[in-house]
Amino acid sequence: MIELLLFVLLGCFLGIVSGLTPGLHVNTLAFIFVLSFANVPENIVALIVAMAVTHSFFDFVPSIVLGAPDEESYLSVLPGHRYLLKGQAYKALMLTAIGGLFGASFVLLVSPLFLLLLKGIQGLLPSLIPWLLSAALLIVVLSSKQKRKTAIVVLLSASLGVLVLKNLSMQHGIMAIIIGLFSFSTIMLSLMKRPKLKKQLIDLGEIKTEDSIKGSILAVLGSAISAVLPSMGPNQIAFLLRKIFGRMSSDCYLVLLGGMNTCNLIFSLFVLQAIGKTRTGIALAIKTLTEVTPNMLILFAGTALVAVAFSVISLQSLGKIILRNMPKVSYSKINAAIFAALIIFLLFACGPLALFVSAIACSISLYAALNNVARSSCMAFLIVPTILIYLGL
């Protein structure tokens, strides 16, 4: 038991490192451990789960503080950046942590019901998804004050997504577009406006209970759908929920994003055990390592609880340290350094073509921002290819 706990704690520390390091994906670390330590599967499973859960909390730090997201947290860049400029980055981080904490708790409570319903809903939802997504895109355009320009952004983003994902690897294509749409554009706008970074308040301020509860419940609902359906990631579901359930406060939306990041991971482990399907890289790594028996659910749940508690406590402390030291560095220099680092990352990890794709994506996002079009409309880059996949096109 002590040995198992040590592996869990090691996983938590590795999750902090991977979460705080843009470009260091937790799936990569998971497969390294699978290939290196296959002779102790239970301990490595615990390490991988703890690492992934902790990562799901800490990967919001680069996206909110630096504007450098990964594939799970990129939608948090836009609201998170607004909190940062208002001196409320700590509140933004804690909102995502609240989502992860409440969401994980709700997931573990409803997991028995989820497992019972899983087989029934698995065959029903795929036929509905393309029409729900199409309706969401239609709502995006029709609800905008800039309908024509929003339609242009949706069309350009969708065209880019379809072309790129057919000609680049899925991982490289998505990463290149994400960095262009949500990182390069945000950094360029900041450099153009040269905002003076306010002193960050280490204070939660006022957080409405209804925002925390609503965001967490929607996160559980969305994650259950995302865990069952292939090609539907947490960000796509969050985008869809925001359109279906109408306007929500920025606080509620960050709670939703934080909750979905963690809940999606936990649900994917239950899906793996129940029907043997892998919906995340972590689930695939565990399936590669060992047979997933019903008893594994206890290990999954126990490890997740420890990792969630560890993550919330450590994020509070590390978040304060990081934000208190931010005023010592020029925000413009931070932005320029991140911009250069992302260019280098794209060149070496994805190739010159990915950098070109990212530049096009950045142009689309800048067009949206400069024409008062919500940059979440750029999500069409992933929504439309998903619709085409479900329609068999």
Protein backbone atom coordinates (compact mmCIF):
# COMPACT_ATOMS: atom_id res chain seq x y z
CA MET A 1 0.00 0.00 0.00
CA ILE A 2 2.83 2.42 0.87
CA GLU A 3 4.56 1.56 -2.40
CA LEU A 4 1.34 2.21 -4.32
CA LEU A 5 0.89 5.57 -2.57
CA LEU A 6 4.45 6.55 -3.48
CA PHE A 7 3.71 5.82 -7.15
CA VAL A 8 0.56 7.95 -6.89
CA LEU A 9 2.53 10.86 -5.40
CA LEU A 10 5.23 10.48 -8.05
CA GLY A 11 2.50 10.63 -10.68
CA CYS A 12 1.15 13.82 -9.11
CA PHE A 13 4.55 15.51 -9.24
CA LEU A 14 5.06 14.43 -12.86
CA GLY A 15 1.60 15.81 -13.67
CA ILE A 16 2.65 19.20 -12.29
CA VAL A 17 5.76 19.18 -14.49
CA SER A 18 3.88 18.16 -17.65
CA GLY A 19 1.04 20.58 -16.91
CA LEU A 20 3.34 23.56 -16.41
CA THR A 21 5.45 22.77 -19.49
CA PRO A 22 3.83 23.80 -22.79
CA GLY A 23 4.36 21.10 -25.41
CA LEU A 24 5.15 18.31 -22.93
CA HIS A 25 2.13 16.07 -23.39
CA VAL A 26 1.05 13.76 -20.60
CA ASN A 27 0.26 11.00 -23.15
CA THR A 28 3.93 10.92 -24.17
CA LEU A 29 5.04 10.40 -20.57
CA ALA A 30 2.37 7.74 -20.06
CA PHE A 31 3.65 5.61 -22.95
CA ILE A 32 7.25 6.02 -21.78
CA PHE A 33 6.24 4.45 -18.45
CA VAL A 34 4.21 1.74 -20.19
CA LEU A 35 7.22 0.72 -22.28
CA SER A 36 9.71 1.00 -19.42
CA PHE A 37 7.89 -0.57 -16.45
CA ALA A 38 5.49 -3.18 -17.83
CA ASN A 39 6.43 -5.63 -15.04
CA VAL A 40 4.59 -3.64 -12.32
CA PRO A 41 1.28 -2.80 -14.03
CA GLU A 42 -0.81 -1.86 -10.97
CA ASN A 43 1.72 0.66 -9.70
CA ILE A 44 2.25 2.15 -13.14
CA VAL A 45 -1.51 2.38 -13.73
CA ALA A 46 -1.80 4.35 -10.47
CA LEU A 47 1.10 6.58 -11.50
CA ILE A 48 -0.40 7.24 -14.95
CA VAL A 49 -3.87 8.04 -13.59
CA ALA A 50 -2.46 10.36 -10.90
CA MET A 51 -0.21 12.07 -13.44
CA ALA A 52 -3.07 12.59 -15.90
CA VAL A 53 -5.49 13.93 -13.27
CA THR A 54 -2.90 16.36 -11.89
CA HIS A 55 -1.98 17.44 -15.42
CA SER A 56 -5.65 18.23 -16.09
CA PHE A 57 -5.49 20.85 -13.31
CA PHE A 58 -2.08 22.36 -14.05
CA ASP A 59 -2.27 22.63 -17.82
CA PHE A 60 -4.48 25.69 -17.32
CA VAL A 61 -1.52 27.60 -15.88
CA PRO A 62 0.33 28.04 -19.21
CA SER A 63 -2.90 28.76 -21.09
CA ILE A 64 -4.12 31.41 -18.63
CA VAL A 65 -0.83 32.95 -17.50
CA LEU A 66 1.21 32.63 -20.70
CA GLY A 67 -1.37 32.11 -23.45
CA ALA A 68 0.31 28.81 -24.39
CA PRO A 69 -2.36 26.08 -24.37
CA ASP A 70 -2.38 22.38 -25.13
CA GLU A 71 -5.14 20.44 -26.90
CA GLU A 72 -7.27 20.16 -23.75
CA SER A 73 -7.17 23.73 -22.51
CA TYR A 74 -7.05 26.05 -25.50
CA LEU A 75 -10.53 27.55 -25.05
CA SER A 76 -9.44 28.85 -21.64
CA VAL A 77 -6.89 31.18 -23.27
CA LEU A 78 -9.45 33.82 -24.22
CA PRO A 79 -11.40 34.25 -20.94
CA GLY A 80 -8.26 33.46 -18.95
CA HIS A 81 -6.34 36.24 -20.69
CA ARG A 82 -9.06 38.73 -19.74
CA TYR A 83 -8.74 37.72 -16.10
CA LEU A 84 -4.96 38.09 -16.34
CA LEU A 85 -5.20 41.63 -17.73
CA LYS A 86 -7.59 42.56 -14.91
CA GLY A 87 -5.16 41.21 -12.32
CA GLN A 88 -7.38 38.20 -11.58
CA ALA A 89 -5.37 35.29 -13.01
CA TYR A 90 -5.40 33.58 -9.61
CA LYS A 91 -9.19 33.65 -9.59
CA ALA A 92 -9.21 32.17 -13.11
CA LEU A 93 -6.94 29.32 -12.02
CA MET A 94 -9.05 28.62 -8.97
CA LEU A 95 -12.24 28.61 -11.06
CA THR A 96 -10.80 25.82 -13.21
CA ALA A 97 -9.72 24.03 -10.02
CA ILE A 98 -13.26 24.35 -8.59
CA GLY A 99 -14.56 22.79 -11.80
CA GLY A 100 -12.10 19.92 -11.52
CA LEU A 101 -12.83 19.35 -7.82
CA PHE A 102 -16.63 19.50 -8.00
CA GLY A 103 -16.74 17.77 -11.37
CA ALA A 104 -14.60 14.83 -10.23
CA SER A 105 -16.71 14.46 -7.09
CA PHE A 106 -19.94 14.42 -9.12
CA VAL A 107 -18.45 11.93 -11.61
CA LEU A 108 -17.57 9.46 -8.87
CA LEU A 109 -21.07 9.81 -7.42
CA VAL A 110 -22.85 9.16 -10.72
CA SER A 111 -20.41 6.58 -12.09
CA PRO A 112 -22.55 3.54 -11.12
CA LEU A 113 -25.51 4.99 -13.04
CA PHE A 114 -23.23 5.96 -15.91
CA LEU A 115 -21.92 2.41 -16.22
CA LEU A 116 -25.48 1.02 -16.25
CA LEU A 117 -26.63 3.42 -18.98
CA LEU A 118 -23.47 3.31 -21.06
CA LYS A 119 -24.38 0.51 -23.44
CA GLY A 120 -27.86 1.90 -24.08
CA ILE A 121 -26.83 5.44 -24.98
CA GLN A 122 -23.76 4.40 -26.95
CA GLY A 123 -25.83 3.47 -29.98
CA LEU A 124 -28.20 6.44 -29.80
CA LEU A 125 -26.01 9.53 -29.58
CA PRO A 126 -23.76 9.23 -32.68
CA SER A 127 -26.70 9.75 -35.06
CA LEU A 128 -27.68 12.97 -33.24
CA ILE A 129 -24.25 14.57 -32.95
CA PRO A 130 -23.81 15.93 -36.52
CA TRP A 131 -27.19 17.65 -36.34
CA LEU A 132 -26.53 19.07 -32.87
CA LEU A 133 -23.19 20.44 -34.03
CA SER A 134 -24.72 21.88 -37.20
CA ALA A 135 -27.42 23.56 -35.10
CA ALA A 136 -24.76 24.97 -32.77
CA LEU A 137 -22.86 26.54 -35.68
CA LEU A 138 -26.10 28.00 -37.01
CA ILE A 139 -26.85 29.48 -33.59
CA VAL A 140 -23.33 30.97 -33.48
CA VAL A 141 -23.95 32.86 -36.71
CA LEU A 142 -27.57 33.88 -36.13
CA SER A 143 -26.99 35.05 -32.54
CA SER A 144 -24.07 37.29 -33.51
CA LYS A 145 -24.45 41.03 -34.00
CA GLN A 146 -21.96 40.66 -36.86
CA LYS A 147 -23.73 37.85 -38.73
CA ARG A 148 -21.97 38.24 -42.08
CA LYS A 149 -18.50 38.55 -40.57
CA THR A 150 -19.18 35.68 -38.16
CA ALA A 151 -20.26 33.53 -41.11
CA ILE A 152 -16.99 34.42 -42.86
CA VAL A 153 -14.96 33.41 -39.78
CA VAL A 154 -16.87 30.13 -39.47
CA LEU A 155 -16.41 29.38 -43.18
CA LEU A 156 -12.70 30.22 -43.18
CA SER A 157 -12.03 28.24 -39.99
CA ALA A 158 -14.01 25.24 -41.24
CA SER A 159 -12.24 25.27 -44.61
CA LEU A 160 -8.85 25.44 -42.92
CA GLY A 161 -9.75 22.58 -40.60
CA VAL A 162 -10.99 20.32 -43.40
CA LEU A 163 -7.98 21.00 -45.65
CA VAL A 164 -5.36 20.69 -42.94
CA LEU A 165 -6.72 17.58 -41.24
CA LYS A 166 -6.82 15.81 -44.61
CA ASN A 167 -3.21 16.66 -45.43
CA LEU A 168 -1.39 16.77 -42.08
CA SER A 169 -1.35 14.23 -39.28
CA MET A 170 -4.29 14.75 -36.93
CA GLN A 171 -2.10 15.68 -33.95
CA HIS A 172 0.19 18.07 -35.86
CA GLY A 173 -2.69 19.68 -37.75
CA ILE A 174 -4.79 20.35 -34.68
CA MET A 175 -1.84 21.68 -32.70
CA ALA A 176 -0.78 24.04 -35.50
CA ILE A 177 -4.29 25.48 -35.86
CA ILE A 178 -4.80 25.77 -32.09
CA ILE A 179 -1.55 27.69 -31.62
CA GLY A 180 -2.42 30.02 -34.50
CA LEU A 181 -6.02 30.68 -33.49
CA PHE A 182 -5.62 30.97 -29.74
CA SER A 183 -1.95 31.68 -28.94
CA PHE A 184 -0.29 33.65 -31.73
CA SER A 185 -3.32 35.89 -32.21
CA THR A 186 -3.71 36.58 -28.48
CA ILE A 187 -0.01 37.39 -28.12
CA MET A 188 0.00 39.63 -31.21
CA LEU A 189 -3.03 41.57 -29.98
CA SER A 190 -1.31 42.04 -26.63
CA LEU A 191 1.89 43.26 -28.28
CA MET A 192 -0.12 45.65 -30.48
CA LYS A 193 -2.02 47.10 -27.53
CA ARG A 194 0.93 46.84 -25.10
CA PRO A 195 -1.29 46.44 -22.04
CA LYS A 196 0.28 47.10 -18.69
CA LEU A 197 -0.01 43.95 -16.66
CA LYS A 198 -1.70 44.71 -13.38
CA LYS A 199 -0.49 43.35 -10.10
CA GLN A 200 -2.16 39.98 -9.72
CA LEU A 201 -4.61 39.81 -6.83
CA ILE A 202 -4.15 36.64 -4.80
CA ASP A 203 -7.82 36.65 -4.01
CA LEU A 204 -10.85 34.71 -5.22
CA GLY A 205 -13.13 37.74 -5.08
CA GLU A 206 -16.80 36.91 -5.40
CA ILE A 207 -17.65 33.54 -6.94
CA LYS A 208 -21.34 32.75 -7.16
CA THR A 209 -22.34 29.31 -5.91
CA GLU A 210 -24.69 28.91 -8.86
CA ASP A 211 -21.78 29.41 -11.30
CA SER A 212 -19.75 26.71 -9.57
CA ILE A 213 -22.64 24.24 -9.45
CA LYS A 214 -23.94 24.96 -12.96
CA GLY A 215 -20.47 24.77 -14.50
CA SER A 216 -19.64 21.53 -12.68
CA ILE A 217 -22.92 19.80 -13.56
CA LEU A 218 -22.59 20.80 -17.22
CA ALA A 219 -19.01 19.53 -17.13
CA VAL A 220 -20.19 16.12 -15.92
CA LEU A 221 -22.93 16.00 -18.56
CA GLY A 222 -20.60 17.06 -21.34
CA SER A 223 -17.81 14.74 -20.24
CA ALA A 224 -20.17 11.76 -20.20
CA ILE A 225 -21.05 12.50 -23.83
CA SER A 226 -17.43 13.14 -24.77
CA ALA A 227 -16.26 9.91 -23.13
CA VAL A 228 -18.79 7.84 -25.08
CA LEU A 229 -18.37 9.43 -28.51
CA PRO A 230 -15.23 9.26 -30.65
CA SER A 231 -14.02 12.52 -32.22
CA MET A 232 -15.82 14.65 -29.61
CA GLY A 233 -13.28 16.26 -27.30
CA PRO A 234 -13.94 18.32 -24.16
CA ASN A 235 -13.51 21.65 -25.97
CA GLN A 236 -16.01 20.73 -28.68
CA ILE A 237 -18.57 19.63 -26.08
CA ALA A 238 -17.97 22.78 -23.97
CA PHE A 239 -18.53 24.90 -27.08
CA LEU A 240 -21.75 22.99 -27.84
CA LEU A 241 -23.06 23.25 -24.26
CA ARG A 242 -22.43 26.99 -24.18
CA LYS A 243 -24.56 27.43 -27.29
CA ILE A 244 -27.34 25.05 -26.20
CA PHE A 245 -27.70 26.43 -22.66
CA GLY A 246 -27.33 30.07 -23.64
CA ARG A 247 -25.07 32.75 -22.24
CA MET A 248 -23.11 32.00 -19.11
CA SER A 249 -20.76 34.12 -17.04
CA SER A 250 -17.01 33.90 -17.58
CA ASP A 251 -16.73 32.41 -14.08
CA CYS A 252 -19.17 29.64 -14.97
CA TYR A 253 -17.43 28.97 -18.30
CA LEU A 254 -14.02 28.53 -16.66
CA VAL A 255 -15.57 26.18 -14.09
CA LEU A 256 -17.07 24.25 -17.01
CA LEU A 257 -13.73 24.01 -18.84
CA GLY A 258 -11.86 22.98 -15.69
CA GLY A 259 -14.47 20.38 -14.87
CA MET A 260 -14.53 18.92 -18.36
CA ASN A 261 -10.76 18.56 -18.48
CA THR A 262 -10.77 16.35 -15.38
CA CYS A 263 -14.16 14.65 -15.78
CA ASN A 264 -13.47 13.60 -19.36
CA LEU A 265 -10.37 11.77 -18.22
CA ILE A 266 -12.12 9.94 -15.37
CA PHE A 267 -15.10 8.99 -17.53
CA SER A 268 -12.75 7.61 -20.19
CA LEU A 269 -11.34 5.18 -17.61
CA PHE A 270 -14.84 3.92 -16.78
CA VAL A 271 -15.61 3.54 -20.51
CA LEU A 272 -12.40 1.53 -20.90
CA GLN A 273 -13.45 -0.89 -18.18
CA ALA A 274 -17.11 -1.12 -19.22
CA ILE A 275 -16.88 -1.59 -22.99
CA GLY A 276 -13.15 -1.80 -23.69
CA LYS A 277 -13.07 1.39 -25.80
CA THR A 278 -10.28 3.95 -25.51
CA ARG A 279 -11.35 7.60 -25.72
CA THR A 280 -8.15 9.22 -24.43
CA GLY A 281 -4.44 8.59 -24.81
CA ILE A 282 -4.28 7.74 -21.11
CA ALA A 283 -6.94 5.03 -21.50
CA LEU A 284 -5.02 3.61 -24.47
CA ALA A 285 -1.78 3.53 -22.46
CA ILE A 286 -3.49 1.65 -19.61
CA LYS A 287 -5.12 -0.81 -22.03
CA THR A 288 -1.70 -1.44 -23.59
CA LEU A 289 -0.20 -2.11 -20.16
CA THR A 290 -2.71 -4.48 -18.58
CA GLU A 291 -6.17 -6.02 -18.66
CA VAL A 292 -8.67 -3.67 -17.06
CA THR A 293 -10.80 -5.67 -14.61
CA PRO A 294 -13.78 -4.45 -12.53
CA ASN A 295 -11.45 -4.27 -9.51
CA MET A 296 -9.47 -1.64 -11.41
CA LEU A 297 -12.38 0.78 -10.93
CA ILE A 298 -11.51 0.97 -7.23
CA LEU A 299 -7.90 1.79 -8.14
CA PHE A 300 -9.05 4.40 -10.66
CA ALA A 301 -11.43 6.07 -8.19
CA GLY A 302 -9.03 6.02 -5.24
CA THR A 303 -6.12 7.35 -7.26
CA ALA A 304 -8.28 10.07 -8.81
CA LEU A 305 -9.48 11.24 -5.38
CA VAL A 306 -5.93 11.50 -4.03
CA ALA A 307 -4.72 13.28 -7.18
CA VAL A 308 -7.62 15.76 -7.17
CA ALA A 309 -7.02 16.69 -3.53
CA PHE A 310 -3.27 17.00 -4.14
CA SER A 311 -3.85 19.12 -7.26
CA VAL A 312 -6.22 21.62 -5.67
CA ILE A 313 -3.93 22.19 -2.68
CA SER A 314 -0.71 22.41 -4.71
CA LEU A 315 -2.28 24.63 -7.41
CA GLN A 316 -3.27 27.13 -4.73
CA SER A 317 0.32 27.32 -3.47
CA LEU A 318 2.19 27.20 -6.79
CA GLY A 319 -0.30 29.57 -8.42
CA LYS A 320 0.42 32.19 -5.77
CA ILE A 321 4.19 31.79 -6.19
CA ILE A 322 4.03 32.08 -9.99
CA LEU A 323 1.71 35.09 -10.02
CA ARG A 324 3.54 36.97 -7.26
CA ASN A 325 6.73 36.78 -9.31
CA MET A 326 5.13 37.83 -12.61
CA PRO A 327 5.46 41.63 -12.04
CA LYS A 328 9.24 41.19 -11.86
CA VAL A 329 9.30 40.36 -15.58
CA SER A 330 8.16 42.58 -18.46
CA TYR A 331 4.86 41.26 -19.82
CA SER A 332 5.88 42.25 -23.37
CA LYS A 333 9.11 40.27 -22.98
CA ILE A 334 7.15 37.28 -21.68
CA ASN A 335 4.84 37.48 -24.70
CA ALA A 336 7.74 37.80 -27.13
CA ALA A 337 9.56 34.86 -25.53
CA ILE A 338 6.45 32.65 -25.64
CA PHE A 339 5.85 33.67 -29.27
CA ALA A 340 9.41 32.67 -30.21
CA ALA A 341 9.22 29.44 -28.21
CA LEU A 342 5.98 28.43 -29.95
CA ILE A 343 7.52 29.07 -33.37
CA ILE A 344 10.51 26.89 -32.47
CA PHE A 345 8.21 24.20 -31.07
CA LEU A 346 6.13 24.13 -34.27
CA LEU A 347 9.19 23.98 -36.52
CA PHE A 348 10.89 21.14 -34.68
CA ALA A 349 7.85 19.14 -33.53
CA CYS A 350 5.51 19.59 -36.50
CA GLY A 351 7.56 20.96 -39.40
CA PRO A 352 7.57 24.11 -41.59
CA LEU A 353 4.15 23.35 -43.09
CA ALA A 354 2.60 23.43 -39.62
CA LEU A 355 4.08 26.90 -39.05
CA PHE A 356 2.49 28.07 -42.32
CA VAL A 357 -0.87 26.60 -41.25
CA SER A 358 -0.53 28.33 -37.88
CA ALA A 359 0.09 31.67 -39.60
CA ILE A 360 -3.12 31.28 -41.64
CA ALA A 361 -5.06 30.36 -38.49
CA CYS A 362 -3.64 33.41 -36.73
CA SER A 363 -4.85 35.63 -39.59
CA ILE A 364 -8.38 34.24 -39.27
CA SER A 365 -8.39 34.81 -35.52
CA LEU A 366 -7.07 38.36 -35.90
CA TYR A 367 -9.77 39.10 -38.48
CA ALA A 368 -12.36 37.91 -35.96
CA ALA A 369 -10.92 39.92 -33.08
CA LEU A 370 -10.56 43.13 -35.09
CA ASN A 371 -14.14 42.85 -36.38
CA ASN A 372 -15.81 42.21 -33.01
CA VAL A 373 -16.53 38.56 -33.84
CA ALA A 374 -16.29 36.08 -30.96
CA ARG A 375 -13.12 34.07 -31.48
CA SER A 376 -14.91 30.98 -30.19
CA SER A 377 -16.48 31.01 -33.69
CA CYS A 378 -13.11 29.72 -34.89
CA MET A 379 -14.02 26.41 -33.23
CA ALA A 380 -15.59 25.59 -36.61
CA PHE A 381 -12.11 24.35 -37.60
CA LEU A 382 -12.79 21.22 -35.54
CA ILE A 383 -16.59 21.16 -35.47
CA VAL A 384 -17.09 20.90 -39.24
CA PRO A 385 -14.58 18.05 -39.79
CA THR A 386 -16.29 16.23 -36.91
CA ILE A 387 -19.68 16.69 -38.61
CA LEU A 388 -18.25 15.31 -41.85
CA ILE A 389 -16.80 12.30 -40.05
CA TYR A 390 -20.15 11.45 -38.46
CA LEU A 391 -21.91 11.85 -41.82
CA GLY A 392 -19.36 9.55 -43.43
CA LEU A 393 -18.09 12.24 -45.80
